Amino acid sequence: MIKHKSKSLEQVLFSSFFATIGAFLAAYSIEVFLVPNQIIDGGIIGISILISRIFSNPSILYPLVVILNLPFVFLAYKSFGRSFVIQMMISVIAFALLGAWIEHSQLPIFSPYRGDLLEIVVTGGLILGLGVGLIIRSGGCLDGTEILGILVSKRYGFTVGNIVLAANLIIFAFAGVVFGDWHAPIQ
């Protein structure tokens, strides 16, 4: 088991603040750039986007992110300890709450971005990557597939990146099959 040092209250609050900023950036990217332009993400968020599109119900996206991450919270607790799980839950819950708020907000800054597809993918991806990077830097994660990647890599020797890539390829292939459109999955 990976043990994390105990953090002071100040360190926990500091990490939680940056995890929340990261969650906001990730939710902003999903709501403003990716989902309105029929582009999916990988991991649990991508699976949640797919399910919400299959059922034509965008309001289930964020509850699904929380629900589908729950088994990974258990795995993370057993493998990485309480501190990591707390940061993960702060990140996931902040992402879900902020994403739902952005989805229903009437503020112009949260309006779907329409433009060139390459511009949408690059800008959305950069904002999403920055958000996820802040979350990871704060000691948590936003997606259970990262936990799965770490655990499988320790046991079988594959890199975390290869495992996450394989999971994402499966998700993108499923999206292509389900929607009969390979445009969004190969972006």
C-alpha atoms as a PDB file:
ATOM      1  CA  MET A   1       0.000   0.000   0.000  1.00  0.00           C
ATOM      2  CA  ILE A   2       1.221   3.493  -0.796  1.00  0.00           C
ATOM      3  CA  LYS A   3       1.106   5.603   2.334  1.00  0.00           C
ATOM      4  CA  HIS A   4       0.795   9.347   2.129  1.00  0.00           C
ATOM      5  CA  LYS A   5       2.131  11.554   4.892  1.00  0.00           C
ATOM      6  CA  SER A   6      -0.440  13.148   7.157  1.00  0.00           C
ATOM      7  CA  LYS A   7      -1.235  16.635   6.043  1.00  0.00           C
ATOM      8  CA  SER A   8      -1.909  19.661   8.201  1.00  0.00           C
ATOM      9  CA  LEU A   9      -5.312  21.327   7.950  1.00  0.00           C
ATOM     10  CA  GLU A  10      -3.698  24.161   6.008  1.00  0.00           C
ATOM     11  CA  GLN A  11      -2.227  21.713   3.480  1.00  0.00           C
ATOM     12  CA  VAL A  12      -5.574  19.917   3.093  1.00  0.00           C
ATOM     13  CA  LEU A  13      -7.403  23.209   2.505  1.00  0.00           C
ATOM     14  CA  PHE A  14      -4.744  24.354   0.025  1.00  0.00           C
ATOM     15  CA  SER A  15      -4.922  21.050  -1.881  1.00  0.00           C
ATOM     16  CA  SER A  16      -8.720  21.098  -1.822  1.00  0.00           C
ATOM     17  CA  PHE A  17      -8.770  24.641  -3.203  1.00  0.00           C
ATOM     18  CA  PHE A  18      -6.597  23.684  -6.180  1.00  0.00           C
ATOM     19  CA  ALA A  19      -8.514  20.428  -6.700  1.00  0.00           C
ATOM     20  CA  THR A  20     -11.713  22.499  -6.886  1.00  0.00           C
ATOM     21  CA  ILE A  21     -10.150  24.910  -9.397  1.00  0.00           C
ATOM     22  CA  GLY A  22      -9.065  21.877 -11.435  1.00  0.00           C
ATOM     23  CA  ALA A  23     -12.561  20.385 -11.204  1.00  0.00           C
ATOM     24  CA  PHE A  24     -14.037  23.681 -12.425  1.00  0.00           C
ATOM     25  CA  LEU A  25     -11.686  23.785 -15.426  1.00  0.00           C
ATOM     26  CA  ALA A  26     -12.448  20.154 -16.298  1.00  0.00           C
ATOM     27  CA  ALA A  27     -16.213  20.723 -16.007  1.00  0.00           C
ATOM     28  CA  TYR A  28     -15.923  23.932 -18.042  1.00  0.00           C
ATOM     29  CA  SER A  29     -14.122  22.061 -20.818  1.00  0.00           C
ATOM     30  CA  ILE A  30     -16.681  19.255 -20.842  1.00  0.00           C
ATOM     31  CA  GLU A  31     -19.719  21.576 -20.839  1.00  0.00           C
ATOM     32  CA  VAL A  32     -18.488  24.355 -23.114  1.00  0.00           C
ATOM     33  CA  PHE A  33     -16.270  22.543 -25.610  1.00  0.00           C
ATOM     34  CA  LEU A  34     -16.683  18.767 -25.698  1.00  0.00           C
ATOM     35  CA  VAL A  35     -20.296  17.733 -24.989  1.00  0.00           C
ATOM     36  CA  PRO A  36     -21.991  20.471 -27.072  1.00  0.00           C
ATOM     37  CA  ASN A  37     -19.836  19.490 -30.049  1.00  0.00           C
ATOM     38  CA  GLN A  38     -20.514  15.744 -29.696  1.00  0.00           C
ATOM     39  CA  ILE A  39     -16.922  15.006 -28.612  1.00  0.00           C
ATOM     40  CA  ILE A  40     -16.349  12.454 -25.881  1.00  0.00           C
ATOM     41  CA  ASP A  41     -13.634  12.133 -23.296  1.00  0.00           C
ATOM     42  CA  GLY A  42     -12.056   8.935 -22.065  1.00  0.00           C
ATOM     43  CA  GLY A  43     -12.373   7.130 -18.769  1.00  0.00           C
ATOM     44  CA  ILE A  44     -15.341   7.315 -16.431  1.00  0.00           C
ATOM     45  CA  ILE A  45     -16.256  10.757 -17.746  1.00  0.00           C
ATOM     46  CA  GLY A  46     -16.345   9.394 -21.291  1.00  0.00           C
ATOM     47  CA  ILE A  47     -18.486   6.435 -20.232  1.00  0.00           C
ATOM     48  CA  SER A  48     -20.841   8.840 -18.446  1.00  0.00           C
ATOM     49  CA  ILE A  49     -21.072  11.035 -21.555  1.00  0.00           C
ATOM     50  CA  LEU A  50     -21.873   7.958 -23.653  1.00  0.00           C
ATOM     51  CA  ILE A  51     -24.587   6.734 -21.308  1.00  0.00           C
ATOM     52  CA  SER A  52     -26.167  10.185 -21.052  1.00  0.00           C
ATOM     53  CA  ARG A  53     -26.196  10.398 -24.870  1.00  0.00           C
ATOM     54  CA  ILE A  54     -27.602   6.878 -25.273  1.00  0.00           C
ATOM     55  CA  PHE A  55     -30.501   7.827 -22.996  1.00  0.00           C
ATOM     56  CA  SER A  56     -30.728  11.368 -24.458  1.00  0.00           C
ATOM     57  CA  ASN A  57     -30.572  12.715 -20.937  1.00  0.00           C
ATOM     58  CA  PRO A  58     -27.698  15.131 -20.323  1.00  0.00           C
ATOM     59  CA  SER A  59     -28.765  15.693 -16.713  1.00  0.00           C
ATOM     60  CA  ILE A  60     -27.578  12.184 -15.711  1.00  0.00           C
ATOM     61  CA  LEU A  61     -23.989  12.874 -16.794  1.00  0.00           C
ATOM     62  CA  TYR A  62     -22.666  14.178 -13.469  1.00  0.00           C
ATOM     63  CA  PRO A  63     -24.492  11.766 -11.151  1.00  0.00           C
ATOM     64  CA  LEU A  64     -23.106   8.967 -13.345  1.00  0.00           C
ATOM     65  CA  VAL A  65     -19.549  10.288 -12.934  1.00  0.00           C
ATOM     66  CA  VAL A  66     -19.947  10.060  -9.157  1.00  0.00           C
ATOM     67  CA  ILE A  67     -21.672   6.653  -9.187  1.00  0.00           C
ATOM     68  CA  LEU A  68     -19.262   5.031 -11.660  1.00  0.00           C
ATOM     69  CA  ASN A  69     -16.263   6.271  -9.667  1.00  0.00           C
ATOM     70  CA  LEU A  70     -17.485   4.669  -6.404  1.00  0.00           C
ATOM     71  CA  PRO A  71     -15.928   1.215  -6.993  1.00  0.00           C
ATOM     72  CA  PHE A  72     -12.613   2.937  -7.675  1.00  0.00           C
ATOM     73  CA  VAL A  73     -12.889   4.867  -4.413  1.00  0.00           C
ATOM     74  CA  PHE A  74     -12.940   1.518  -2.607  1.00  0.00           C
ATOM     75  CA  LEU A  75      -9.912   0.313  -4.591  1.00  0.00           C
ATOM     76  CA  ALA A  76      -8.092   3.577  -3.927  1.00  0.00           C
ATOM     77  CA  TYR A  77      -8.770   3.381  -0.211  1.00  0.00           C
ATOM     78  CA  LYS A  78      -7.353  -0.133   0.008  1.00  0.00           C
ATOM     79  CA  SER A  79      -4.311   0.750  -2.106  1.00  0.00           C
ATOM     80  CA  PHE A  80      -3.520   4.410  -1.519  1.00  0.00           C
ATOM     81  CA  GLY A  81      -5.108   5.319   1.794  1.00  0.00           C
ATOM     82  CA  ARG A  82      -7.547   7.807   3.207  1.00  0.00           C
ATOM     83  CA  SER A  83      -5.778  11.019   2.207  1.00  0.00           C
ATOM     84  CA  PHE A  84      -5.848  10.125  -1.502  1.00  0.00           C
ATOM     85  CA  VAL A  85      -9.503   9.064  -1.320  1.00  0.00           C
ATOM     86  CA  ILE A  86     -10.486  12.327   0.364  1.00  0.00           C
ATOM     87  CA  GLN A  87      -8.776  14.348  -2.374  1.00  0.00           C
ATOM     88  CA  MET A  88     -10.335  12.139  -5.041  1.00  0.00           C
ATOM     89  CA  MET A  89     -13.830  12.545  -3.589  1.00  0.00           C
ATOM     90  CA  ILE A  90     -13.400  16.305  -3.259  1.00  0.00           C
ATOM     91  CA  SER A  91     -12.360  16.422  -6.917  1.00  0.00           C
ATOM     92  CA  VAL A  92     -15.135  14.156  -8.208  1.00  0.00           C
ATOM     93  CA  ILE A  93     -17.893  15.828  -6.196  1.00  0.00           C
ATOM     94  CA  ALA A  94     -16.659  19.330  -7.072  1.00  0.00           C
ATOM     95  CA  PHE A  95     -16.521  18.297 -10.747  1.00  0.00           C
ATOM     96  CA  ALA A  96     -20.079  16.941 -10.603  1.00  0.00           C
ATOM     97  CA  LEU A  97     -21.528  19.953  -8.783  1.00  0.00           C
ATOM     98  CA  LEU A  98     -19.696  22.524 -10.883  1.00  0.00           C
ATOM     99  CA  GLY A  99     -20.509  20.678 -14.117  1.00  0.00           C
ATOM    100  CA  ALA A 100     -24.219  20.574 -13.279  1.00  0.00           C
ATOM    101  CA  TRP A 101     -24.106  24.263 -12.372  1.00  0.00           C
ATOM    102  CA  ILE A 102     -22.371  25.185 -15.640  1.00  0.00           C
ATOM    103  CA  GLU A 103     -24.825  22.994 -17.604  1.00  0.00           C
ATOM    104  CA  HIS A 104     -27.818  24.915 -16.200  1.00  0.00           C
ATOM    105  CA  SER A 105     -26.190  28.346 -16.025  1.00  0.00           C
ATOM    106  CA  GLN A 106     -27.398  31.155 -18.244  1.00  0.00           C
ATOM    107  CA  LEU A 107     -24.122  33.081 -18.007  1.00  0.00           C
ATOM    108  CA  PRO A 108     -22.665  33.844 -21.461  1.00  0.00           C
ATOM    109  CA  ILE A 109     -19.230  32.533 -20.458  1.00  0.00           C
ATOM    110  CA  PHE A 110     -20.785  29.070 -20.156  1.00  0.00           C
ATOM    111  CA  SER A 111     -22.442  29.085 -23.576  1.00  0.00           C
ATOM    112  CA  PRO A 112     -21.392  26.211 -25.847  1.00  0.00           C
ATOM    113  CA  TYR A 113     -18.414  27.129 -27.990  1.00  0.00           C
ATOM    114  CA  ARG A 114     -18.974  26.668 -31.708  1.00  0.00           C
ATOM    115  CA  GLY A 115     -16.134  26.903 -34.149  1.00  0.00           C
ATOM    116  CA  ASP A 116     -13.577  24.941 -36.059  1.00  0.00           C
ATOM    117  CA  LEU A 117     -13.437  21.341 -34.820  1.00  0.00           C
ATOM    118  CA  LEU A 118      -9.651  21.371 -34.409  1.00  0.00           C
ATOM    119  CA  GLU A 119      -9.876  24.573 -32.380  1.00  0.00           C
ATOM    120  CA  ILE A 120     -12.578  23.032 -30.188  1.00  0.00           C
ATOM    121  CA  VAL A 121     -10.605  19.837 -29.570  1.00  0.00           C
ATOM    122  CA  VAL A 122      -7.313  21.610 -28.857  1.00  0.00           C
ATOM    123  CA  THR A 123      -8.781  24.319 -26.616  1.00  0.00           C
ATOM    124  CA  GLY A 124     -11.115  21.941 -24.808  1.00  0.00           C
ATOM    125  CA  GLY A 125      -8.318  19.419 -24.384  1.00  0.00           C
ATOM    126  CA  LEU A 126      -5.904  22.016 -23.015  1.00  0.00           C
ATOM    127  CA  ILE A 127      -8.415  23.302 -20.476  1.00  0.00           C
ATOM    128  CA  LEU A 128      -9.375  19.756 -19.487  1.00  0.00           C
ATOM    129  CA  GLY A 129      -5.704  18.767 -19.192  1.00  0.00           C
ATOM    130  CA  LEU A 130      -4.942  21.804 -17.045  1.00  0.00           C
ATOM    131  CA  GLY A 131      -7.852  20.949 -14.757  1.00  0.00           C
ATOM    132  CA  VAL A 132      -6.873  17.298 -14.432  1.00  0.00           C
ATOM    133  CA  GLY A 133      -3.251  18.338 -13.875  1.00  0.00           C
ATOM    134  CA  LEU A 134      -4.261  20.592 -10.972  1.00  0.00           C
ATOM    135  CA  ILE A 135      -6.297  17.762  -9.477  1.00  0.00           C
ATOM    136  CA  ILE A 136      -3.408  15.305  -9.744  1.00  0.00           C
ATOM    137  CA  ARG A 137      -0.997  17.913  -8.373  1.00  0.00           C
ATOM    138  CA  SER A 138      -3.312  18.354  -5.387  1.00  0.00           C
ATOM    139  CA  GLY A 139      -3.000  14.650  -4.579  1.00  0.00           C
ATOM    140  CA  GLY A 140      -6.217  13.285  -6.039  1.00  0.00           C
ATOM    141  CA  CYS A 141      -7.669  12.157  -9.320  1.00  0.00           C
ATOM    142  CA  LEU A 142     -10.868  12.657 -11.279  1.00  0.00           C
ATOM    143  CA  ASP A 143     -11.244   9.309 -12.937  1.00  0.00           C
ATOM    144  CA  GLY A 144     -11.214   5.741 -11.685  1.00  0.00           C
ATOM    145  CA  THR A 145      -9.434   4.474 -14.779  1.00  0.00           C
ATOM    146  CA  GLU A 146      -6.277   6.169 -13.500  1.00  0.00           C
ATOM    147  CA  ILE A 147      -6.531   4.122 -10.303  1.00  0.00           C
ATOM    148  CA  LEU A 148      -7.128   0.989 -12.338  1.00  0.00           C
ATOM    149  CA  GLY A 149      -4.085   1.881 -14.441  1.00  0.00           C
ATOM    150  CA  ILE A 150      -1.854   2.245 -11.388  1.00  0.00           C
ATOM    151  CA  LEU A 151      -3.021  -1.018  -9.854  1.00  0.00           C
ATOM    152  CA  VAL A 152      -2.745  -3.041 -13.074  1.00  0.00           C
ATOM    153  CA  SER A 153       0.674  -1.565 -13.847  1.00  0.00           C
ATOM    154  CA  LYS A 154       1.991  -2.679 -10.464  1.00  0.00           C
ATOM    155  CA  ARG A 155       0.715  -6.200 -10.937  1.00  0.00           C
ATOM    156  CA  TYR A 156       1.453  -6.814 -14.620  1.00  0.00           C
ATOM    157  CA  GLY A 157       4.202  -4.346 -15.468  1.00  0.00           C
ATOM    158  CA  PHE A 158       2.364  -2.287 -18.076  1.00  0.00           C
ATOM    159  CA  THR A 159       2.704   1.471 -17.838  1.00  0.00           C
ATOM    160  CA  VAL A 160      -0.190   3.482 -16.412  1.00  0.00           C
ATOM    161  CA  GLY A 161      -0.349   5.409 -19.679  1.00  0.00           C
ATOM    162  CA  ASN A 162      -0.697   2.222 -21.733  1.00  0.00           C
ATOM    163  CA  ILE A 163      -3.506   0.937 -19.534  1.00  0.00           C
ATOM    164  CA  VAL A 164      -5.421   4.226 -19.603  1.00  0.00           C
ATOM    165  CA  LEU A 165      -4.868   4.430 -23.374  1.00  0.00           C
ATOM    166  CA  ALA A 166      -6.230   0.896 -23.842  1.00  0.00           C
ATOM    167  CA  ALA A 167      -9.288   1.705 -21.713  1.00  0.00           C
ATOM    168  CA  ASN A 168      -9.887   4.897 -23.678  1.00  0.00           C
ATOM    169  CA  LEU A 169      -9.548   3.102 -27.015  1.00  0.00           C
ATOM    170  CA  ILE A 170     -12.243   0.668 -25.900  1.00  0.00           C
ATOM    171  CA  ILE A 171     -14.492   3.551 -24.841  1.00  0.00           C
ATOM    172  CA  PHE A 172     -13.937   5.408 -28.139  1.00  0.00           C
ATOM    173  CA  ALA A 173     -14.549   2.245 -30.165  1.00  0.00           C
ATOM    174  CA  PHE A 174     -17.763   1.634 -28.234  1.00  0.00           C
ATOM    175  CA  ALA A 175     -18.826   5.222 -28.964  1.00  0.00           C
ATOM    176  CA  GLY A 176     -18.172   4.712 -32.662  1.00  0.00           C
ATOM    177  CA  VAL A 177     -20.208   1.501 -32.730  1.00  0.00           C
ATOM    178  CA  VAL A 178     -23.102   2.820 -30.631  1.00  0.00           C
ATOM    179  CA  PHE A 179     -23.492   6.054 -32.548  1.00  0.00           C
ATOM    180  CA  GLY A 180     -22.483   4.724 -35.957  1.00  0.00           C
ATOM    181  CA  ASP A 181     -20.284   7.787 -36.294  1.00  0.00           C
ATOM    182  CA  TRP A 182     -16.499   7.551 -36.025  1.00  0.00           C
ATOM    183  CA  HIS A 183     -16.033  11.287 -36.317  1.00  0.00           C
ATOM    184  CA  ALA A 184     -16.278  12.143 -32.596  1.00  0.00           C
ATOM    185  CA  PRO A 185     -14.286   9.154 -31.252  1.00  0.00           C
ATOM    186  CA  ILE A 186     -11.273   9.818 -33.463  1.00  0.00           C
ATOM    187  CA  GLN A 187     -10.981  13.506 -32.617  1.00  0.00           C
END
